[in-house]
Protein backbone atom coordinates (compact mmCIF):
# COMPACT_ATOMS: atom_id res chain seq x y z
CA MET A 1 210.83 68.12 -14.57
CA THR A 2 211.03 71.64 -13.13
CA SER A 3 209.52 71.97 -9.66
CA ILE A 4 208.65 75.16 -7.77
CA LYS A 5 207.35 75.30 -4.20
CA ILE A 6 205.59 78.36 -2.79
CA LYS A 7 205.10 78.49 0.96
CA GLU A 8 203.50 81.40 2.77
CA ALA A 9 201.99 81.78 6.23
CA ALA A 10 198.26 82.44 6.39
CA THR A 11 198.92 85.92 7.85
CA ASP A 12 201.00 86.91 4.80
CA LEU A 13 198.47 85.82 2.19
CA GLU A 14 197.47 89.35 1.24
CA SER A 15 200.70 89.75 -0.72
CA LEU A 16 199.70 86.76 -2.86
CA ILE A 17 196.02 87.54 -3.36
CA PHE A 18 195.20 88.61 -6.90
CA PRO A 19 192.38 91.10 -7.50
CA ARG A 20 188.91 89.55 -7.67
CA TYR A 21 187.61 88.96 -11.19
CA ALA A 22 183.93 88.42 -10.41
CA ASP A 23 182.76 88.34 -14.04
CA SER A 24 185.56 86.20 -15.44
CA LYS A 25 185.10 82.57 -16.43
CA LEU A 26 187.44 79.71 -17.15
CA ASN A 27 187.52 78.23 -20.63
CA ASN A 28 185.57 75.23 -19.39
CA GLY A 29 182.73 77.50 -18.28
CA GLY A 30 183.41 77.21 -14.53
CA MET A 31 182.94 80.28 -12.38
CA LEU A 32 185.89 81.56 -10.42
CA GLY A 33 185.96 81.38 -6.64
CA GLU A 34 186.53 84.25 -4.22
CA TYR A 35 190.35 84.56 -4.18
CA LEU A 36 193.35 83.52 -6.22
CA LEU A 37 196.61 82.48 -4.61
CA GLY A 38 199.41 82.78 -7.14
CA MET A 39 202.82 83.87 -8.35
CA ARG A 40 204.50 85.07 -11.54
CA VAL A 41 207.25 83.07 -13.25
CA ASN A 42 209.30 84.26 -16.26
CA ASN A 43 207.51 87.58 -16.67
CA GLY A 44 204.20 86.16 -17.78
CA THR A 45 205.21 84.49 -21.05
CA LYS A 46 203.40 81.40 -22.27
CA SER A 47 206.18 79.58 -24.11
CA PRO A 48 205.63 75.78 -24.10
CA LEU A 49 207.88 73.82 -21.76
CA LYS A 50 209.15 70.28 -22.07
CA PRO A 51 209.21 68.75 -19.55
CA LYS A 52 206.28 70.33 -17.74
CA THR A 53 206.58 72.46 -14.60
CA THR A 54 205.00 71.48 -11.28
CA ILE A 55 204.15 74.17 -8.77
CA THR A 56 203.15 73.48 -5.18
CA PHE A 57 201.23 76.08 -3.19
CA GLU A 58 201.27 75.68 0.59
CA THR A 59 198.82 77.70 2.68
CA ASP A 60 196.66 77.31 5.78
CA LEU A 61 193.87 79.18 4.01
CA ALA A 62 193.02 76.14 1.92
CA TYR A 63 191.69 74.33 4.96
CA ASP A 64 191.86 76.05 8.34
CA ASN A 65 189.51 78.96 7.66
CA ILE A 66 191.62 81.22 9.95
CA THR A 67 188.72 82.50 12.13
CA GLY A 68 186.86 79.20 12.53
CA CYS A 69 185.65 76.18 10.60
CA THR A 70 182.94 77.79 8.48
CA PHE A 71 183.48 76.14 5.10
CA VAL A 72 185.27 73.30 3.35
CA PRO A 73 186.97 74.26 0.08
CA LYS A 74 185.87 72.49 -3.06
CA ASN A 75 188.49 71.21 -5.49
CA SER A 76 190.97 73.96 -6.32
CA GLU A 77 191.48 75.07 -9.92
CA CYS A 78 194.93 75.45 -11.48
CA ILE A 79 194.82 78.51 -13.72
CA PHE A 80 196.96 81.31 -15.19
CA TRP A 81 196.38 84.85 -16.43
CA ASP A 82 196.18 84.77 -20.22
CA THR A 83 197.68 88.10 -21.35
CA THR A 84 196.44 87.60 -24.90
CA GLU A 85 192.80 86.93 -23.98
CA ASP A 86 193.00 89.16 -20.88
CA LYS A 87 191.31 86.62 -18.65
CA PHE A 88 192.02 83.56 -16.51
CA SER A 89 192.47 80.25 -18.30
CA ASN A 90 193.33 76.67 -17.41
CA LYS A 91 194.78 75.67 -20.78
CA GLY A 92 197.88 73.58 -20.32
CA CYS A 93 197.45 73.40 -16.52
CA LYS A 94 195.95 70.66 -14.40
CA LEU A 95 195.52 69.79 -10.74
CA ILE A 96 197.94 67.03 -9.69
CA SER A 97 197.12 66.67 -6.01
CA GLU A 98 195.38 68.46 -3.18
CA THR A 99 195.91 67.72 0.49
CA LYS A 100 195.43 69.62 3.74
CA GLY A 101 196.99 73.03 3.11
CA GLN A 102 198.83 72.01 -0.08
CA VAL A 103 197.88 72.19 -3.75
CA THR A 104 200.13 70.93 -6.57
CA CYS A 105 199.63 72.01 -10.18
CA GLU A 106 201.34 71.00 -13.43
CA CYS A 107 201.63 73.40 -16.38
CA ASP A 108 203.35 73.25 -19.76
CA HIS A 109 204.34 76.93 -19.83
CA LEU A 110 205.64 79.74 -17.61
CA THR A 111 203.32 82.61 -16.78
CA SER A 112 201.32 84.06 -13.87
CA PHE A 113 200.32 80.83 -12.17
CA GLY A 114 197.57 80.59 -9.62
CA VAL A 115 195.28 78.36 -7.59
CA MET A 116 191.69 79.48 -7.25
CA LEU A 117 190.66 78.83 -3.66
CA ASP A 118 187.06 78.44 -2.59
CA VAL A 119 187.03 80.71 0.46
CA THR A 120 183.48 81.98 0.54
CA PRO A 121 182.59 83.53 3.93
CA SER A 122 180.03 81.60 5.96
CA LEU A 123 176.43 82.49 5.16
CA ILE A 124 174.96 80.51 8.07
CA GLU A 125 174.03 82.73 10.95
CA GLU A 126 174.25 81.23 14.40
CA ASP A 127 171.13 81.47 16.55
CA ALA A 128 172.34 82.59 19.99
CA ASP A 129 168.95 81.98 21.65
CA LEU A 130 168.76 78.43 20.29
CA GLU A 131 172.33 77.69 21.41
CA THR A 132 171.64 79.02 24.91
CA ALA A 133 168.39 77.06 25.24
CA THR A 134 170.08 73.88 24.02
CA ALA A 135 172.93 74.31 26.49
CA VAL A 136 170.54 74.89 29.39
CA MET A 137 168.47 71.79 28.55
CA ILE A 138 171.55 69.60 28.28
CA ILE A 139 173.02 70.92 31.54
CA ILE A 140 169.75 70.11 33.36
CA SER A 141 169.73 66.61 31.83
CA VAL A 142 173.34 65.74 32.64
CA SER A 143 172.91 67.16 36.15
CA ALA A 144 169.92 64.83 36.63
CA LEU A 145 172.08 61.90 35.48
CA VAL A 146 174.83 62.80 37.94
CA ILE A 147 172.28 63.08 40.78
CA THR A 148 170.75 59.72 39.82
CA GLU A 149 174.08 57.89 39.79
CA ALA A 150 175.26 59.56 43.00
CA ILE A 151 172.10 58.57 44.88
CA LEU A 152 171.96 55.00 43.54
CA SER A 153 175.68 54.39 44.19
CA TRP A 154 175.32 55.69 47.75
CA ASN A 155 172.14 53.69 48.33
CA VAL A 156 173.47 50.36 46.97
CA CYS A 157 176.31 49.27 49.21
CA ASP A 158 176.08 45.54 48.49
CA PRO A 159 178.82 44.61 45.93
CA VAL A 160 176.54 42.02 44.30
CA LYS A 161 173.74 44.55 43.81
CA PHE A 162 176.30 47.11 42.65
CA MET A 163 177.47 44.72 39.90
CA ALA A 164 173.85 43.94 38.99
CA ARG A 165 173.43 47.65 38.21
CA SER A 166 176.30 47.55 35.71
CA PRO A 167 174.11 47.77 32.53
CA GLU A 168 172.06 50.62 33.99
CA ARG A 169 175.19 52.43 35.16
CA ASN A 170 176.90 52.07 31.77
CA ARG A 171 173.74 53.36 30.12
CA ASN A 172 173.66 56.44 32.32
CA VAL A 173 177.37 57.17 31.87
CA SER A 174 177.21 56.75 28.08
CA ILE A 175 174.16 59.04 27.82
CA PHE A 176 176.01 61.55 30.01
CA LEU A 177 178.99 61.52 27.61
CA ALA A 178 176.74 61.63 24.53
CA GLN A 179 174.89 64.69 25.81
CA LEU A 180 178.15 66.39 26.69
CA SER A 181 179.22 65.82 23.09
CA ILE A 182 176.14 67.72 21.89
CA LEU A 183 177.08 70.52 24.26
CA LEU A 184 180.47 70.61 22.53
CA LEU A 185 178.79 70.53 19.10
CA VAL A 186 176.63 73.61 19.71
CA GLY A 187 178.14 76.34 17.53
CA SER A 188 181.60 74.83 17.94
CA ASN A 189 182.58 74.96 14.26
CA ALA A 190 182.69 78.77 14.37
CA ARG A 191 185.02 78.76 17.38
CA MET A 192 187.69 76.21 16.46
CA PRO A 193 189.90 75.00 13.59
CA CYS A 194 188.49 72.34 11.28
CA TRP A 195 190.73 69.57 12.61
CA THR A 196 189.48 70.21 16.17
CA CYS A 197 185.93 70.31 14.86
CA GLU A 198 186.42 66.88 13.27
CA CYS A 199 187.78 65.49 16.57
CA VAL A 200 184.65 66.73 18.35
CA GLY A 201 182.50 65.07 15.68
CA ALA A 202 184.36 61.77 16.06
CA PHE A 203 183.90 61.90 19.85
CA ALA A 204 180.16 62.56 19.44
CA HIS A 205 179.86 59.71 16.92
CA CYS A 206 181.55 57.29 19.30
CA THR A 207 179.54 58.29 22.39
CA TRP A 208 176.14 58.08 20.69
CA ILE A 209 176.75 54.56 19.36
CA LEU A 210 177.90 53.67 22.87
CA ALA A 211 174.76 55.22 24.38
CA VAL A 212 172.41 53.30 22.05
CA TRP A 213 174.23 50.04 22.77
CA TRP A 214 173.81 50.34 26.54
CA ILE A 215 170.25 51.69 26.27
CA VAL A 216 169.21 48.52 24.42
CA ALA A 217 171.44 46.27 26.55
CA GLU A 218 169.81 47.58 29.74
CA GLY A 219 166.41 46.56 28.32
CA ASN A 220 167.74 43.09 27.58
CA PHE A 221 169.13 42.67 31.09
CA SER A 222 165.76 43.78 32.46
CA LEU A 223 163.92 41.17 30.37
CA GLN A 224 166.32 38.44 31.54
CA ARG A 225 164.67 38.59 34.98
CA SER A 226 161.41 37.33 33.43
CA VAL A 227 162.75 35.05 30.71
CA SER A 228 164.84 32.18 32.04
CA THR A 229 165.91 31.04 28.56
CA TYR A 230 167.35 34.38 27.56
CA PRO A 231 170.86 34.00 26.01
CA LYS A 232 173.28 35.43 28.55
CA LEU A 233 176.38 36.93 26.95
CA PRO A 234 179.45 37.27 29.19
CA ARG A 235 179.81 40.83 30.43
CA PHE A 236 183.23 41.22 28.81
CA LEU A 237 181.59 40.74 25.38
CA HIS A 238 179.26 43.65 26.09
CA TYR A 239 182.28 45.80 26.88
CA PHE A 240 184.14 44.52 23.82
CA PHE A 241 181.31 45.24 21.39
CA SER A 242 180.33 48.56 22.97
CA TYR A 243 183.78 50.06 23.54
CA VAL A 244 186.49 48.28 21.52
CA LEU A 245 184.60 47.77 18.25
CA ASN A 246 183.01 51.20 18.53
CA ILE A 247 186.35 52.96 18.93
CA ALA A 248 187.80 50.85 16.10
CA LEU A 249 184.95 51.88 13.77
CA VAL A 250 185.29 55.58 14.52
CA GLY A 251 189.09 55.37 14.32
CA ALA A 252 188.86 53.73 10.88
CA LEU A 253 186.52 56.46 9.62
CA VAL A 254 188.84 59.16 10.95
CA GLY A 255 191.77 57.47 9.21
CA VAL A 256 189.92 57.29 5.88
CA SER A 257 188.81 60.93 6.26
CA LEU A 258 192.36 62.10 6.84
CA THR A 259 193.68 60.00 3.96
CA ASN A 260 191.29 61.08 1.21
CA GLY A 261 190.59 64.59 2.50
CA GLU A 262 186.79 64.18 2.40
CA HIS A 263 186.28 65.57 5.94
CA TYR A 264 183.57 63.13 6.98
CA TYR A 265 183.14 64.86 10.35
CA LEU A 266 182.34 68.29 8.91
CA ASN A 267 178.60 68.36 8.22
CA ARG A 268 177.96 70.89 5.45
CA ASP A 269 175.34 72.03 2.95
CA VAL A 270 175.43 72.11 -0.86
CA ASN A 271 177.55 75.27 -0.79
CA ASN A 272 180.13 73.56 1.45
CA GLU A 273 179.12 75.80 4.38
CA VAL A 274 179.85 73.90 7.62
CA ILE A 275 176.67 73.37 9.65
CA SER A 276 178.15 71.44 12.56
CA CYS A 277 181.01 69.18 13.67
CA TRP A 278 179.11 66.06 12.76
CA LEU A 279 178.92 63.32 10.12
CA HIS A 280 178.54 64.60 6.57
CA ALA A 281 176.15 63.19 3.97
CA TRP A 282 176.61 59.47 3.31
CA ALA A 283 179.07 59.19 6.21
CA ASN A 284 175.96 58.97 8.40
CA ILE A 285 175.86 55.34 7.28
CA ALA A 286 178.63 54.79 9.84
CA LEU A 287 176.05 55.74 12.48
CA ILE A 288 172.86 54.30 10.98
CA ILE A 289 174.24 50.81 10.27
CA PRO A 290 175.72 50.20 13.78
CA ILE A 291 172.53 51.47 15.48
CA GLY A 292 170.40 49.38 13.12
CA LEU A 293 172.49 46.28 13.84
CA ILE A 294 172.27 46.88 17.59
CA VAL A 295 168.47 47.08 17.45
CA LEU A 296 168.13 44.18 14.97
CA VAL A 297 170.41 41.73 16.80
CA ASN A 298 168.87 42.48 20.20
CA THR A 299 165.36 42.10 18.76
CA MET A 300 166.28 38.71 17.31
CA PHE A 301 167.70 37.63 20.68
CA MET A 302 164.53 38.80 22.42
CA VAL A 303 162.14 37.01 20.01
CA TYR A 304 164.18 33.79 20.18
CA ALA A 305 164.36 33.81 23.98
CA VAL A 306 160.66 34.60 24.50
CA ARG A 307 159.52 31.87 22.11
CA LYS A 308 161.82 29.32 23.71
CA HIS A 309 160.63 30.31 27.20
CA ASN A 310 156.94 30.13 26.25
CA ASN A 311 157.40 26.67 24.68
CA LYS A 312 159.29 25.41 27.72
CA TYR A 313 157.05 26.99 30.36
CA PRO A 314 153.52 27.19 28.92
CA ARG A 315 152.13 28.16 32.33
CA GLU A 316 154.48 31.13 32.59
CA ILE A 317 153.80 32.81 29.27
CA VAL A 318 155.79 35.99 28.67
CA GLY A 319 153.52 38.38 26.75
CA TRP A 320 153.92 41.75 25.10
CA ARG A 321 153.15 43.55 28.35
CA THR A 322 156.23 42.05 29.99
CA ILE A 323 158.37 42.80 26.94
CA LEU A 324 157.18 46.41 26.70
CA SER A 325 157.64 46.86 30.44
CA SER A 326 161.26 45.72 30.15
CA PHE A 327 162.00 47.75 27.03
CA LYS A 328 159.91 50.87 27.68
CA SER A 329 162.96 52.85 28.81
CA ALA A 330 165.04 51.52 25.90
CA ILE A 331 162.34 52.43 23.34
CA PHE A 332 161.83 55.92 24.75
CA LEU A 333 165.52 56.74 25.16
CA THR A 334 166.41 55.40 21.69
CA PHE A 335 163.68 57.56 20.16
CA VAL A 336 164.98 60.62 22.05
CA ALA A 337 168.55 59.82 20.94
CA CYS A 338 167.49 59.65 17.26
CA CYS A 339 165.71 63.02 17.58
CA ASN A 340 168.82 64.55 19.16
CA LEU A 341 171.04 63.23 16.38
CA TYR A 342 168.67 64.48 13.68
CA ALA A 343 168.59 67.95 15.24
CA VAL A 344 172.41 68.11 15.21
CA SER A 345 172.45 67.94 11.40
CA LEU A 346 169.94 70.77 10.91
CA LYS A 347 170.76 74.37 10.12
CA SER A 348 170.34 76.71 13.06
CA TYR A 349 167.65 78.81 11.38
CA HIS A 350 165.38 75.80 10.81
CA PHE A 351 162.32 75.69 13.11
CA LEU A 352 162.75 72.02 14.03
CA PRO A 353 165.72 72.57 16.39
CA TYR A 354 163.41 74.70 18.56
CA LEU A 355 161.16 71.67 18.88
CA PHE A 356 163.99 69.20 19.39
CA ILE A 357 165.75 71.17 22.14
CA TRP A 358 163.18 69.70 24.53
CA PHE A 359 164.46 66.23 23.68
CA ASN A 360 167.84 67.30 25.10
CA LEU A 361 166.14 67.68 28.48
CA MET A 362 164.38 64.33 28.50
CA PRO A 363 167.06 61.61 28.97
CA GLY A 364 168.40 62.73 32.35
CA VAL A 365 165.04 63.87 33.74
CA TYR A 366 163.34 60.64 32.59
CA ILE A 367 166.03 58.44 34.17
CA LEU A 368 165.92 60.43 37.43
CA TRP A 369 162.14 60.04 37.54
CA THR A 370 162.00 56.30 36.76
CA SER A 371 165.08 55.30 38.79
CA ILE A 372 164.45 57.31 41.96
CA ILE A 373 161.43 59.60 42.21
CA SER A 374 158.79 57.06 41.08
CA ASN A 375 160.68 54.00 42.38
CA PHE A 376 158.92 52.96 45.61
CA GLN A 377 161.70 50.63 46.80
CA ILE A 378 164.47 53.19 46.28
CA ARG A 379 162.44 55.89 48.01
CA ASN A 380 161.84 53.69 51.04
CA SER A 381 165.47 52.63 51.17
CA LEU A 382 166.58 56.27 51.07
CA LYS A 383 164.15 57.19 53.83
CA LYS A 384 165.60 54.48 56.06
CA LYS A 385 169.15 55.56 55.34
CA LEU A 386 168.30 59.17 56.11
CA GLY A 387 166.32 58.20 59.21
CA LEU A 388 163.08 59.57 57.82
CA GLY A 389 161.07 56.36 58.15
CA SER A 390 158.17 56.20 60.59
CA LYS A 391 159.20 54.84 63.97
CA LYS A 392 157.02 52.28 65.71
CA LYS A 393 155.98 53.14 69.27
């Protein structure tokens, strides 16, 4: 089998770009894309060859978008210029394989070979005002989280109390990382190569599952103070499920994405225009299922523990008020997290992101308010430490 390999740098592609044939069609009725990367072999004749010839085209244009990650190419088409019909045709040619930056075709004749690349310029316009507002809201929120943790860590000097704050501290840190990931996601696809964009998406995926885990876990730890029969998992299991399994899940999805070339972390529309560095289409299942399992399993634990406690201690009934009081922060923060994640997948010109940018502000401000500003015990403790308490005469 004859084999030909064509390798050109992305900056030299102009010498290999055929003229655009906007009105031409392939024999199978498919419309041509924007550009054709190709070469001529044996002066354009179409004499049948046995065995067939394979041609490999190598180019960064097929994936890296040169100026930024604005689109994901659809399947390339192996074609040739039919001198008899005076148009492009795919008779006798077929696509063998397509990987990152490499397309291999097989043809049964020698002629002007080509690969039609789908390199349509991005039609999605970035909204600078929306990006700025989103960034400002997130910066305020993460700043509030940093202030909260700094004050609480300084105020709680007792090692036992410090360890008791572990669920709350992990929740705050994971929300901090998750919100930073959104800050990275804002308009990032237009500023970086696609592989970097996918790394950002994987980081965001990992941090948001982590955030939801510790948001719900903090509610469970809060309820344990009122329910003596609550199943107490060892702390290392919380870390194992939240960090190790989470990283393993995201790592597996990244591996599958790289193997089959589906680019699961490039969220795009029906025209393959990249909207954001986030999960694409059905790949969102890798986010929905873990979050659903986290909520479901913790709810089952909660119902089991409350029923067992109420049967064992009928005089100390734990009602819905106690449950809602323990989980009010978890319910609110989980709702805000879902709104944030939904907004990430929207196009910038949609009106909903303007509504959802306010949800970017809420996590840090809410935690600062409930943990410090409205917490009577913390306020009094801080006053004493700062010497602001009233002195008795």
